PDB file of N, CA and C in Angstrom:
ATOM      1  N   MET A   1     345.708 173.381-112.732  1.00  0.00           N
ATOM      2  CA  MET A   1     344.995 172.583-111.758  1.00  0.00           C
ATOM      3  C   MET A   1     343.651 173.240-111.408  1.00  0.00           C
ATOM      4  N   ALA A   2     343.653 174.558-111.175  1.00  0.00           N
ATOM      5  CA  ALA A   2     342.423 175.259-110.830  1.00  0.00           C
ATOM      6  C   ALA A   2     341.434 175.221-111.993  1.00  0.00           C
ATOM      7  N   VAL A   3     341.948 175.373-113.203  1.00  0.00           N
ATOM      8  CA  VAL A   3     341.083 175.363-114.387  1.00  0.00           C
ATOM      9  C   VAL A   3     340.429 174.004-114.552  1.00  0.00           C
ATOM     10  N   GLU A   4     341.206 172.953-114.417  1.00  0.00           N
ATOM     11  CA  GLU A   4     340.651 171.606-114.554  1.00  0.00           C
ATOM     12  C   GLU A   4     339.629 171.318-113.456  1.00  0.00           C
ATOM     13  N   GLY A   5     339.907 171.761-112.247  1.00  0.00           N
ATOM     14  CA  GLY A   5     338.961 171.576-111.154  1.00  0.00           C
ATOM     15  C   GLY A   5     337.653 172.299-111.426  1.00  0.00           C
ATOM     16  N   TYR A   6     337.752 173.479-112.029  1.00  0.00           N
ATOM     17  CA  TYR A   6     336.552 174.242-112.379  1.00  0.00           C
ATOM     18  C   TYR A   6     335.787 173.548-113.492  1.00  0.00           C
ATOM     19  N   ARG A   7     336.494 173.113-114.532  1.00  0.00           N
ATOM     20  CA  ARG A   7     335.824 172.425-115.655  1.00  0.00           C
ATOM     21  C   ARG A   7     335.123 171.151-115.196  1.00  0.00           C
ATOM     22  N   ASP A   8     335.756 170.439-114.259  1.00  0.00           N
ATOM     23  CA  ASP A   8     335.183 169.183-113.767  1.00  0.00           C
ATOM     24  C   ASP A   8     334.063 169.399-112.753  1.00  0.00           C
ATOM     25  N   GLY A   9     333.914 170.637-112.293  1.00  0.00           N
ATOM     26  CA  GLY A   9     332.881 170.922-111.311  1.00  0.00           C
ATOM     27  C   GLY A   9     333.329 170.693-109.881  1.00  0.00           C
ATOM     28  N   ALA A  10     334.611 170.359-109.695  1.00  0.00           N
ATOM     29  CA  ALA A  10     335.128 170.129-108.349  1.00  0.00           C
ATOM     30  C   ALA A  10     335.347 171.453-107.608  1.00  0.00           C
ATOM     31  N   LEU A  11     335.601 172.530-108.357  1.00  0.00           N
ATOM     32  CA  LEU A  11     335.805 173.851-107.776  1.00  0.00           C
ATOM     33  C   LEU A  11     334.787 174.839-108.352  1.00  0.00           C
ATOM     34  N   THR A  12     334.313 175.737-107.506  1.00  0.00           N
ATOM     35  CA  THR A  12     333.440 176.800-107.984  1.00  0.00           C
ATOM     36  C   THR A  12     334.296 177.959-108.483  1.00  0.00           C
ATOM     37  N   ARG A  13     333.661 178.914-109.164  1.00  0.00           N
ATOM     38  CA  ARG A  13     334.400 180.094-109.618  1.00  0.00           C
ATOM     39  C   ARG A  13     334.982 180.832-108.421  1.00  0.00           C
ATOM     40  N   ASP A  14     334.207 180.932-107.346  1.00  0.00           N
ATOM     41  CA  ASP A  14     334.661 181.610-106.140  1.00  0.00           C
ATOM     42  C   ASP A  14     335.883 180.898-105.534  1.00  0.00           C
ATOM     43  N   GLN A  15     335.842 179.586-105.512  1.00  0.00           N
ATOM     44  CA  GLN A  15     336.973 178.826-104.967  1.00  0.00           C
ATOM     45  C   GLN A  15     338.230 179.015-105.820  1.00  0.00           C
ATOM     46  N   VAL A  16     338.068 179.060-107.136  1.00  0.00           N
ATOM     47  CA  VAL A  16     339.213 179.302-108.023  1.00  0.00           C
ATOM     48  C   VAL A  16     339.807 180.674-107.719  1.00  0.00           C
ATOM     49  N   GLY A  17     338.941 181.676-107.575  1.00  0.00           N
ATOM     50  CA  GLY A  17     339.408 183.023-107.276  1.00  0.00           C
ATOM     51  C   GLY A  17     340.165 183.100-105.962  1.00  0.00           C
ATOM     52  N   ARG A  18     339.633 182.466-104.933  1.00  0.00           N
ATOM     53  CA  ARG A  18     340.321 182.476-103.634  1.00  0.00           C
ATOM     54  C   ARG A  18     341.642 181.733-103.702  1.00  0.00           C
ATOM     55  N   LEU A  19     341.649 180.621-104.406  1.00  0.00           N
ATOM     56  CA  LEU A  19     342.868 179.823-104.549  1.00  0.00           C
ATOM     57  C   LEU A  19     343.976 180.632-105.222  1.00  0.00           C
ATOM     58  N   LEU A  20     343.596 181.434-106.220  1.00  0.00           N
ATOM     59  CA  LEU A  20     344.571 182.208-106.979  1.00  0.00           C
ATOM     60  C   LEU A  20     344.729 183.644-106.483  1.00  0.00           C
ATOM     61  N   GLY A  21     343.921 184.034-105.509  1.00  0.00           N
ATOM     62  CA  GLY A  21     344.004 185.391-104.974  1.00  0.00           C
ATOM     63  C   GLY A  21     343.501 186.446-105.947  1.00  0.00           C
ATOM     64  N   LEU A  22     342.458 186.098-106.711  1.00  0.00           N
ATOM     65  CA  LEU A  22     341.918 187.002-107.723  1.00  0.00           C
ATOM     66  C   LEU A  22     340.562 187.544-107.305  1.00  0.00           C
ATOM     67  N   SER A  23     340.226 188.737-107.814  1.00  0.00           N
ATOM     68  CA  SER A  23     338.899 189.297-107.597  1.00  0.00           C
ATOM     69  C   SER A  23     337.899 188.538-108.468  1.00  0.00           C
ATOM     70  N   PHE A  24     336.616 188.860-108.302  1.00  0.00           N
ATOM     71  CA  PHE A  24     335.577 188.221-109.105  1.00  0.00           C
ATOM     72  C   PHE A  24     335.868 188.388-110.591  1.00  0.00           C
ATOM     73  N   TRP A  25     336.094 189.656-111.017  1.00  0.00           N
ATOM     74  CA  TRP A  25     336.280 189.926-112.445  1.00  0.00           C
ATOM     75  C   TRP A  25     337.606 189.380-112.968  1.00  0.00           C
ATOM     76  N   GLU A  26     338.635 189.400-112.132  1.00  0.00           N
ATOM     77  CA  GLU A  26     339.914 188.800-112.538  1.00  0.00           C
ATOM     78  C   GLU A  26     339.751 187.296-112.740  1.00  0.00           C
ATOM     79  N   THR A  27     338.966 186.667-111.863  1.00  0.00           N
ATOM     80  CA  THR A  27     338.713 185.233-111.995  1.00  0.00           C
ATOM     81  C   THR A  27     337.930 184.940-113.264  1.00  0.00           C
ATOM     82  N   GLU A  28     336.908 185.763-113.529  1.00  0.00           N
ATOM     83  CA  GLU A  28     336.140 185.587-114.767  1.00  0.00           C
ATOM     84  C   GLU A  28     337.057 185.685-115.990  1.00  0.00           C
ATOM     85  N   ALA A  29     337.930 186.694-116.009  1.00  0.00           N
ATOM     86  CA  ALA A  29     338.847 186.881-117.134  1.00  0.00           C
ATOM     87  C   ALA A  29     339.823 185.701-117.239  1.00  0.00           C
ATOM     88  N   PHE A  30     340.333 185.260-116.099  1.00  0.00           N
ATOM     89  CA  PHE A  30     341.256 184.134-116.062  1.00  0.00           C
ATOM     90  C   PHE A  30     340.615 182.881-116.676  1.00  0.00           C
ATOM     91  N   LEU A  31     339.405 182.578-116.250  1.00  0.00           N
ATOM     92  CA  LEU A  31     338.719 181.389-116.755  1.00  0.00           C
ATOM     93  C   LEU A  31     338.353 181.534-118.231  1.00  0.00           C
ATOM     94  N   LYS A  32     337.958 182.732-118.633  1.00  0.00           N
ATOM     95  CA  LYS A  32     337.602 182.955-120.033  1.00  0.00           C
ATOM     96  C   LYS A  32     338.824 182.801-120.942  1.00  0.00           C
ATOM     97  N   GLU A  33     339.965 183.359-120.512  1.00  0.00           N
ATOM     98  CA  GLU A  33     341.200 183.253-121.301  1.00  0.00           C
ATOM     99  C   GLU A  33     341.584 181.794-121.529  1.00  0.00           C
ATOM    100  N   ARG A  34     341.253 180.951-120.576  1.00  0.00           N
ATOM    101  CA  ARG A  34     341.607 179.530-120.668  1.00  0.00           C
ATOM    102  C   ARG A  34     340.449 178.680-121.181  1.00  0.00           C
ATOM    103  N   GLN A  35     339.408 179.358-121.651  1.00  0.00           N
ATOM    104  CA  GLN A  35     338.216 178.701-122.177  1.00  0.00           C
ATOM    105  C   GLN A  35     337.678 177.648-121.224  1.00  0.00           C
ATOM    106  N   ALA A  36     337.651 178.017-119.948  1.00  0.00           N
ATOM    107  CA  ALA A  36     337.151 177.112-118.908  1.00  0.00           C
ATOM    108  C   ALA A  36     335.683 177.438-118.659  1.00  0.00           C
ATOM    109  N   TYR A  37     334.828 176.796-119.418  1.00  0.00           N
ATOM    110  CA  TYR A  37     333.396 177.040-119.304  1.00  0.00           C
ATOM    111  C   TYR A  37     332.742 175.861-118.609  1.00  0.00           C
ATOM    112  N   LEU A  38     331.730 176.156-117.823  1.00  0.00           N
ATOM    113  CA  LEU A  38     330.968 175.087-117.198  1.00  0.00           C
ATOM    114  C   LEU A  38     330.106 174.401-118.249  1.00  0.00           C
ATOM    115  N   ALA A  39     329.848 173.148-118.032  1.00  0.00           N
ATOM    116  CA  ALA A  39     328.933 172.420-118.916  1.00  0.00           C
ATOM    117  C   ALA A  39     327.545 173.015-118.711  1.00  0.00           C
ATOM    118  N   TYR A  40     326.948 173.506-119.771  1.00  0.00           N
ATOM    119  CA  TYR A  40     325.632 174.138-119.705  1.00  0.00           C
ATOM    120  C   TYR A  40     324.794 173.507-120.794  1.00  0.00           C
ATOM    121  N   THR A  41     323.938 172.603-120.370  1.00  0.00           N
ATOM    122  CA  THR A  41     323.161 171.823-121.333  1.00  0.00           C
ATOM    123  C   THR A  41     321.918 172.580-121.772  1.00  0.00           C
ATOM    124  N   GLU A  42     321.280 172.039-122.774  1.00  0.00           N
ATOM    125  CA  GLU A  42     320.011 172.603-123.234  1.00  0.00           C
ATOM    126  C   GLU A  42     318.965 172.516-122.124  1.00  0.00           C
ATOM    127  N   GLU A  43     319.027 171.460-121.345  1.00  0.00           N
ATOM    128  CA  GLU A  43     318.107 171.298-120.212  1.00  0.00           C
ATOM    129  C   GLU A  43     318.351 172.386-119.164  1.00  0.00           C
ATOM    130  N   ASP A  44     319.638 172.707-118.888  1.00  0.00           N
ATOM    131  CA  ASP A  44     319.964 173.790-117.963  1.00  0.00           C
ATOM    132  C   ASP A  44     319.380 175.107-118.470  1.00  0.00           C
ATOM    133  N   PHE A  45     319.547 175.361-119.762  1.00  0.00           N
ATOM    134  CA  PHE A  45     319.014 176.583-120.361  1.00  0.00           C
ATOM    135  C   PHE A  45     317.497 176.644-120.202  1.00  0.00           C
ATOM    136  N   GLU A  46     316.841 175.536-120.465  1.00  0.00           N
ATOM    137  CA  GLU A  46     315.381 175.502-120.380  1.00  0.00           C
ATOM    138  C   GLU A  46     314.913 175.770-118.948  1.00  0.00           C
ATOM    139  N   GLN A  47     315.623 175.211-117.965  1.00  0.00           N
ATOM    140  CA  GLN A  47     315.273 175.471-116.565  1.00  0.00           C
ATOM    141  C   GLN A  47     315.458 176.946-116.227  1.00  0.00           C
ATOM    142  N   ASP A  48     316.557 177.541-116.683  1.00  0.00           N
ATOM    143  CA  ASP A  48     316.803 178.960-116.438  1.00  0.00           C
ATOM    144  C   ASP A  48     315.743 179.813-117.126  1.00  0.00           C
ATOM    145  N   ARG A  49     315.390 179.452-118.351  1.00  0.00           N
ATOM    146  CA  ARG A  49     314.382 180.215-119.086  1.00  0.00           C
ATOM    147  C   ARG A  49     313.045 180.186-118.355  1.00  0.00           C
ATOM    148  N   ARG A  50     312.657 178.997-117.880  1.00  0.00           N
ATOM    149  CA  ARG A  50     311.391 178.887-117.151  1.00  0.00           C
ATOM    150  C   ARG A  50     311.427 179.700-115.859  1.00  0.00           C
ATOM    151  N   ALA A  51     312.574 179.728-115.214  1.00  0.00           N
ATOM    152  CA  ALA A  51     312.706 180.479-113.964  1.00  0.00           C
ATOM    153  C   ALA A  51     312.596 181.983-114.204  1.00  0.00           C
ATOM    154  N   LEU A  52     312.932 182.438-115.399  1.00  0.00           N
ATOM    155  CA  LEU A  52     312.913 183.864-115.719  1.00  0.00           C
ATOM    156  C   LEU A  52     311.647 184.298-116.442  1.00  0.00           C
ATOM    157  N   THR A  53     310.684 183.429-116.574  1.00  0.00           N
ATOM    158  CA  THR A  53     309.453 183.752-117.283  1.00  0.00           C
ATOM    159  C   THR A  53     308.372 184.147-116.285  1.00  0.00           C
ATOM    160  N   LEU A  54     307.759 185.294-116.532  1.00  0.00           N
ATOM    161  CA  LEU A  54     306.680 185.775-115.671  1.00  0.00           C
ATOM    162  C   LEU A  54     305.344 185.645-116.382  1.00  0.00           C
ATOM    163  N   THR A  55     304.336 185.299-115.632  1.00  0.00           N
ATOM    164  CA  THR A  55     302.975 185.322-116.175  1.00  0.00           C
ATOM    165  C   THR A  55     302.530 186.778-116.231  1.00  0.00           C
ATOM    166  N   PRO A  56     301.472 187.076-116.982  1.00  0.00           N
ATOM    167  CA  PRO A  56     300.979 188.463-116.996  1.00  0.00           C
ATOM    168  C   PRO A  56     300.661 189.003-115.596  1.00  0.00           C
ATOM    169  N   ARG A  57     300.143 188.161-114.744  1.00  0.00           N
ATOM    170  CA  ARG A  57     299.829 188.599-113.367  1.00  0.00           C
ATOM    171  C   ARG A  57     301.099 188.980-112.614  1.00  0.00           C
ATOM    172  N   ASP A  58     302.164 188.165-112.747  1.00  0.00           N
ATOM    173  CA  ASP A  58     303.440 188.477-112.097  1.00  0.00           C
ATOM    174  C   ASP A  58     304.030 189.759-112.672  1.00  0.00           C
ATOM    175  N   TRP A  59     303.917 189.908-114.003  1.00  0.00           N
ATOM    176  CA  TRP A  59     304.437 191.095-114.669  1.00  0.00           C
ATOM    177  C   TRP A  59     303.734 192.346-114.143  1.00  0.00           C
ATOM    178  N   GLU A  60     302.419 192.293-113.974  1.00  0.00           N
ATOM    179  CA  GLU A  60     301.671 193.435-113.451  1.00  0.00           C
ATOM    180  C   GLU A  60     302.122 193.775-112.034  1.00  0.00           C
ATOM    181  N   ALA A  61     302.343 192.773-111.202  1.00  0.00           N
ATOM    182  CA  ALA A  61     302.814 193.016-109.835  1.00  0.00           C
ATOM    183  C   ALA A  61     304.191 193.675-109.858  1.00  0.00           C
ATOM    184  N   PHE A  62     305.040 193.248-110.763  1.00  0.00           N
ATOM    185  CA  PHE A  62     306.358 193.834-110.932  1.00  0.00           C
ATOM    186  C   PHE A  62     306.244 195.308-111.322  1.00  0.00           C
ATOM    187  N   LEU A  63     305.351 195.604-112.257  1.00  0.00           N
ATOM    188  CA  LEU A  63     305.178 196.984-112.704  1.00  0.00           C
ATOM    189  C   LEU A  63     304.614 197.864-111.595  1.00  0.00           C
ATOM    190  N   VAL A  64     303.694 197.336-110.804  1.00  0.00           N
ATOM    191  CA  VAL A  64     303.130 198.093-109.692  1.00  0.00           C
ATOM    192  C   VAL A  64     304.238 198.459-108.705  1.00  0.00           C
ATOM    193  N   ALA A  65     305.126 197.528-108.431  1.00  0.00           N
ATOM    194  CA  ALA A  65     306.244 197.796-107.521  1.00  0.00           C
ATOM    195  C   ALA A  65     307.152 198.889-108.074  1.00  0.00           C
ATOM    196  N   LEU A  66     307.351 198.909-109.376  1.00  0.00           N
ATOM    197  CA  LEU A  66     308.188 199.936-109.985  1.00  0.00           C
ATOM    198  C   LEU A  66     307.525 201.305-109.992  1.00  0.00           C
ATOM    199  N   ASP A  67     306.207 201.322-109.996  1.00  0.00           N
ATOM    200  CA  ASP A  67     305.473 202.585-110.044  1.00  0.00           C
ATOM    201  C   ASP A  67     305.613 203.403-108.768  1.00  0.00           C
ATOM    202  N   ASP A  68     306.236 202.844-107.738  1.00  0.00           N
ATOM    203  CA  ASP A  68     306.376 203.566-106.479  1.00  0.00           C
ATOM    204  C   ASP A  68     307.348 204.731-106.561  1.00  0.00           C
ATOM    205  N   THR A  69     308.128 204.833-107.616  1.00  0.00           N
ATOM    206  CA  THR A  69     309.077 205.937-107.739  1.00  0.00           C
ATOM    207  C   THR A  69     308.664 206.828-108.903  1.00  0.00           C
ATOM    208  N   ASP A  70     309.125 208.062-108.870  1.00  0.00           N
ATOM    209  CA  ASP A  70     308.789 209.023-109.923  1.00  0.00           C
ATOM    210  C   ASP A  70     309.871 209.127-110.986  1.00  0.00           C
ATOM    211  N   ARG A  71     310.929 208.371-110.852  1.00  0.00           N
ATOM    212  CA  ARG A  71     312.039 208.446-111.793  1.00  0.00           C
ATOM    213  C   ARG A  71     311.601 207.957-113.168  1.00  0.00           C
ATOM    214  N   PRO A  72     311.897 208.729-114.236  1.00  0.00           N
ATOM    215  CA  PRO A  72     311.533 208.275-115.586  1.00  0.00           C
ATOM    216  C   PRO A  72     312.353 207.057-115.994  1.00  0.00           C
ATOM    217  N   ARG A  73     311.712 206.153-116.679  1.00  0.00           N
ATOM    218  CA  ARG A  73     312.370 204.930-117.146  1.00  0.00           C
ATOM    219  C   ARG A  73     311.987 204.699-118.601  1.00  0.00           C
ATOM    220  N   PRO A  74     312.638 205.385-119.533  1.00  0.00           N
ATOM    221  CA  PRO A  74     312.240 205.260-120.940  1.00  0.00           C
ATOM    222  C   PRO A  74     312.422 203.850-121.495  1.00  0.00           C
ATOM    223  N   GLN A  75     313.480 203.137-121.107  1.00  0.00           N
ATOM    224  CA  GLN A  75     313.662 201.776-121.616  1.00  0.00           C
ATOM    225  C   GLN A  75     312.580 200.849-121.086  1.00  0.00           C
ATOM    226  N   LEU A  76     312.220 201.028-119.818  1.00  0.00           N
ATOM    227  CA  LEU A  76     311.157 200.211-119.246  1.00  0.00           C
ATOM    228  C   LEU A  76     309.830 200.523-119.924  1.00  0.00           C
ATOM    229  N   ALA A  77     309.590 201.808-120.178  1.00  0.00           N
ATOM    230  CA  ALA A  77     308.352 202.184-120.863  1.00  0.00           C
ATOM    231  C   ALA A  77     308.289 201.541-122.249  1.00  0.00           C
ATOM    232  N   ALA A  78     309.412 201.508-122.945  1.00  0.00           N
ATOM    233  CA  ALA A  78     309.452 200.875-124.265  1.00  0.00           C
ATOM    234  C   ALA A  78     309.208 199.374-124.149  1.00  0.00           C
ATOM    235  N   ALA A  79     309.788 198.747-123.131  1.00  0.00           N
ATOM    236  CA  ALA A  79     309.584 197.306-122.925  1.00  0.00           C
ATOM    237  C   ALA A  79     308.121 197.012-122.601  1.00  0.00           C
ATOM    238  N   ILE A  80     307.500 197.883-121.814  1.00  0.00           N
ATOM    239  CA  ILE A  80     306.089 197.702-121.470  1.00  0.00           C
ATOM    240  C   ILE A  80     305.225 197.816-122.721  1.00  0.00           C
ATOM    241  N   ALA A  81     305.551 198.792-123.566  1.00  0.00           N
ATOM    242  CA  ALA A  81     304.781 198.966-124.802  1.00  0.00           C
ATOM    243  C   ALA A  81     304.913 197.733-125.690  1.00  0.00           C
ATOM    244  N   ARG A  82     306.126 197.194-125.817  1.00  0.00           N
ATOM    245  CA  ARG A  82     306.314 195.976-126.624  1.00  0.00           C
ATOM    246  C   ARG A  82     305.565 194.811-126.002  1.00  0.00           C
ATOM    247  N   ARG A  83     305.591 194.722-124.681  1.00  0.00           N
ATOM    248  CA  ARG A  83     304.879 193.649-123.983  1.00  0.00           C
ATOM    249  C   ARG A  83     303.394 193.749-124.260  1.00  0.00           C
ATOM    250  N   ASP A  84     302.849 194.962-124.174  1.00  0.00           N
ATOM    251  CA  ASP A  84     301.429 195.153-124.435  1.00  0.00           C
ATOM    252  C   ASP A  84     301.083 194.772-125.871  1.00  0.00           C
ATOM    253  N   GLU A  85     301.935 195.134-126.820  1.00  0.00           N
ATOM    254  CA  GLU A  85     301.714 194.768-128.225  1.00  0.00           C
ATOM    255  C   GLU A  85     301.693 193.255-128.386  1.00  0.00           C
ATOM    256  N   ARG A  86     302.625 192.572-127.707  1.00  0.00           N
ATOM    257  CA  ARG A  86     302.674 191.107-127.792  1.00  0.00           C
ATOM    258  C   ARG A  86     301.411 190.484-127.209  1.00  0.00           C
ATOM    259  N   LEU A  87     300.952 191.011-126.078  1.00  0.00           N
ATOM    260  CA  LEU A  87     299.749 190.451-125.454  1.00  0.00           C
ATOM    261  C   LEU A  87     298.535 190.629-126.350  1.00  0.00           C
ATOM    262  N   VAL A  88     298.422 191.794-126.983  1.00  0.00           N
ATOM    263  CA  VAL A  88     297.304 192.026-127.899  1.00  0.00           C
ATOM    264  C   VAL A  88     297.390 191.069-129.077  1.00  0.00           C
ATOM    265  N   ALA A  89     298.596 190.942-129.642  1.00  0.00           N
ATOM    266  CA  ALA A  89     298.780 190.045-130.793  1.00  0.00           C
ATOM    267  C   ALA A  89     298.499 188.602-130.403  1.00  0.00           C
ATOM    268  N   SER A  90     298.958 188.175-129.224  1.00  0.00           N
ATOM    269  CA  SER A  90     298.748 186.785-128.821  1.00  0.00           C
ATOM    270  C   SER A  90     297.285 186.514-128.484  1.00  0.00           C
ATOM    271  N   SER A  91     296.598 187.517-127.930  1.00  0.00           N
ATOM    272  CA  SER A  91     295.179 187.291-127.638  1.00  0.00           C
ATOM    273  C   SER A  91     294.389 187.178-128.929  1.00  0.00           C
ATOM    274  N   ARG A  92     294.820 187.910-129.957  1.00  0.00           N
ATOM    275  CA  ARG A  92     294.169 187.789-131.265  1.00  0.00           C
ATOM    276  C   ARG A  92     294.450 186.419-131.878  1.00  0.00           C
ATOM    277  N   ALA A  93     295.583 185.839-131.514  1.00  0.00           N
ATOM    278  CA  ALA A  93     295.947 184.529-132.047  1.00  0.00           C
ATOM    279  C   ALA A  93     295.292 183.399-131.256  1.00  0.00           C
ATOM    280  N   GLY A  94     294.538 183.748-130.212  1.00  0.00           N
ATOM    281  CA  GLY A  94     293.812 182.728-129.460  1.00  0.00           C
ATOM    282  C   GLY A  94     294.506 182.242-128.216  1.00  0.00           C
ATOM    283  N   GLU A  95     295.630 182.865-127.839  1.00  0.00           N
ATOM    284  CA  GLU A  95     296.341 182.409-126.653  1.00  0.00           C
ATOM    285  C   GLU A  95     295.743 182.998-125.383  1.00  0.00           C
ATOM    286  N   GLY A  96     295.213 184.190-125.435  1.00  0.00           N
ATOM    287  CA  GLY A  96     294.497 184.795-124.317  1.00  0.00           C
ATOM    288  C   GLY A  96     295.308 184.999-123.064  1.00  0.00           C
ATOM    289  N   GLU A  97     294.654 184.842-121.922  1.00  0.00           N
ATOM    290  CA  GLU A  97     295.243 185.165-120.631  1.00  0.00           C
ATOM    291  C   GLU A  97     296.403 184.274-120.228  1.00  0.00           C
ATOM    292  N   GLY A  98     296.537 183.116-120.780  1.00  0.00           N
ATOM    293  CA  GLY A  98     297.612 182.212-120.401  1.00  0.00           C
ATOM    294  C   GLY A  98     298.966 182.588-120.975  1.00  0.00           C
ATOM    295  N   THR A  99     299.030 183.663-121.719  1.00  0.00           N
ATOM    296  CA  THR A  99     300.267 184.078-122.348  1.00  0.00           C
ATOM    297  C   THR A  99     301.295 184.445-121.295  1.00  0.00           C
ATOM    298  N   GLU A 100     302.520 183.992-121.479  1.00  0.00           N
ATOM    299  CA  GLU A 100     303.592 184.327-120.568  1.00  0.00           C
ATOM    300  C   GLU A 100     304.507 185.350-121.205  1.00  0.00           C
ATOM    301  N   VAL A 101     305.109 186.187-120.381  1.00  0.00           N
ATOM    302  CA  VAL A 101     306.067 187.173-120.849  1.00  0.00           C
ATOM    303  C   VAL A 101     307.450 186.615-120.561  1.00  0.00           C
ATOM    304  N   ASP A 102     308.275 186.506-121.581  1.00  0.00           N
ATOM    305  CA  ASP A 102     309.614 185.960-121.432  1.00  0.00           C
ATOM    306  C   ASP A 102     310.563 187.091-121.063  1.00  0.00           C
ATOM    307  N   VAL A 103     310.828 187.220-119.767  1.00  0.00           N
ATOM    308  CA  VAL A 103     311.650 188.315-119.259  1.00  0.00           C
ATOM    309  C   VAL A 103     313.065 188.238-119.814  1.00  0.00           C
ATOM    310  N   ALA A 104     313.616 187.052-119.912  1.00  0.00           N
ATOM    311  CA  ALA A 104     314.980 186.904-120.437  1.00  0.00           C
ATOM    312  C   ALA A 104     315.063 187.466-121.848  1.00  0.00           C
ATOM    313  N   ARG A 105     314.043 187.212-122.674  1.00  0.00           N
ATOM    314  CA  ARG A 105     314.041 187.731-124.040  1.00  0.00           C
ATOM    315  C   ARG A 105     313.921 189.248-124.031  1.00  0.00           C
ATOM    316  N   LEU A 106     313.093 189.809-123.152  1.00  0.00           N
ATOM    317  CA  LEU A 106     312.962 191.260-123.059  1.00  0.00           C
ATOM    318  C   LEU A 106     314.274 191.913-122.647  1.00  0.00           C
ATOM    319  N   ILE A 107     314.957 191.307-121.695  1.00  0.00           N
ATOM    320  CA  ILE A 107     316.251 191.839-121.248  1.00  0.00           C
ATOM    321  C   ILE A 107     317.245 191.810-122.392  1.00  0.00           C
ATOM    322  N   GLU A 108     317.294 190.707-123.116  1.00  0.00           N
ATOM    323  CA  GLU A 108     318.212 190.585-124.249  1.00  0.00           C
ATOM    324  C   GLU A 108     317.894 191.616-125.324  1.00  0.00           C
ATOM    325  N   GLU A 109     316.628 191.853-125.581  1.00  0.00           N
ATOM    326  CA  GLU A 109     316.243 192.862-126.568  1.00  0.00           C
ATOM    327  C   GLU A 109     316.699 194.249-126.140  1.00  0.00           C
ATOM    328  N   GLU A 110     316.575 194.556-124.845  1.00  0.00           N
ATOM    329  CA  GLU A 110     317.011 195.855-124.352  1.00  0.00           C
ATOM    330  C   GLU A 110     318.519 195.996-124.469  1.00  0.00           C
ATOM    331  N   ARG A 111     319.258 194.939-124.204  1.00  0.00           N
ATOM    332  CA  ARG A 111     320.723 194.990-124.324  1.00  0.00           C
ATOM    333  C   ARG A 111     321.146 195.231-125.767  1.00  0.00           C
ATOM    334  N   ASN A 112     320.394 194.678-126.705  1.00  0.00           N
ATOM    335  CA  ASN A 112     320.756 194.796-128.126  1.00  0.00           C
ATOM    336  C   ASN A 112     320.361 196.135-128.722  1.00  0.00           C
ATOM    337  N   ARG A 113     319.637 196.958-128.011  1.00  0.00           N
ATOM    338  CA  ARG A 113     319.218 198.259-128.546  1.00  0.00           C
ATOM    339  C   ARG A 113     320.318 199.265-128.440  1.00  0.00           C
TER     340      ARG A 113
END
């Protein structure tokens, strides 16, 4: 019953967990074991992708905020270097300042390393 309610969108993951007395991760495992996935359309993906995309100006503001600490961040430094390479390559291709940095893609690349 809880699985069907979740699949139909009548129940949230949190509601399923409370109904069954499970923690967040136990609920995730429970739903995964039963292949209870939410409908996630290509349009949903596109909206999420746009929400996670930063313009170069936003990216610079993000980096300035990170510069407030002295802690070394080798993965971030590598991501910044790749970002800079992409911006140079895209400006050579004629895209210039309007180029956007796809944060979701950068995160995925870091996870795959």
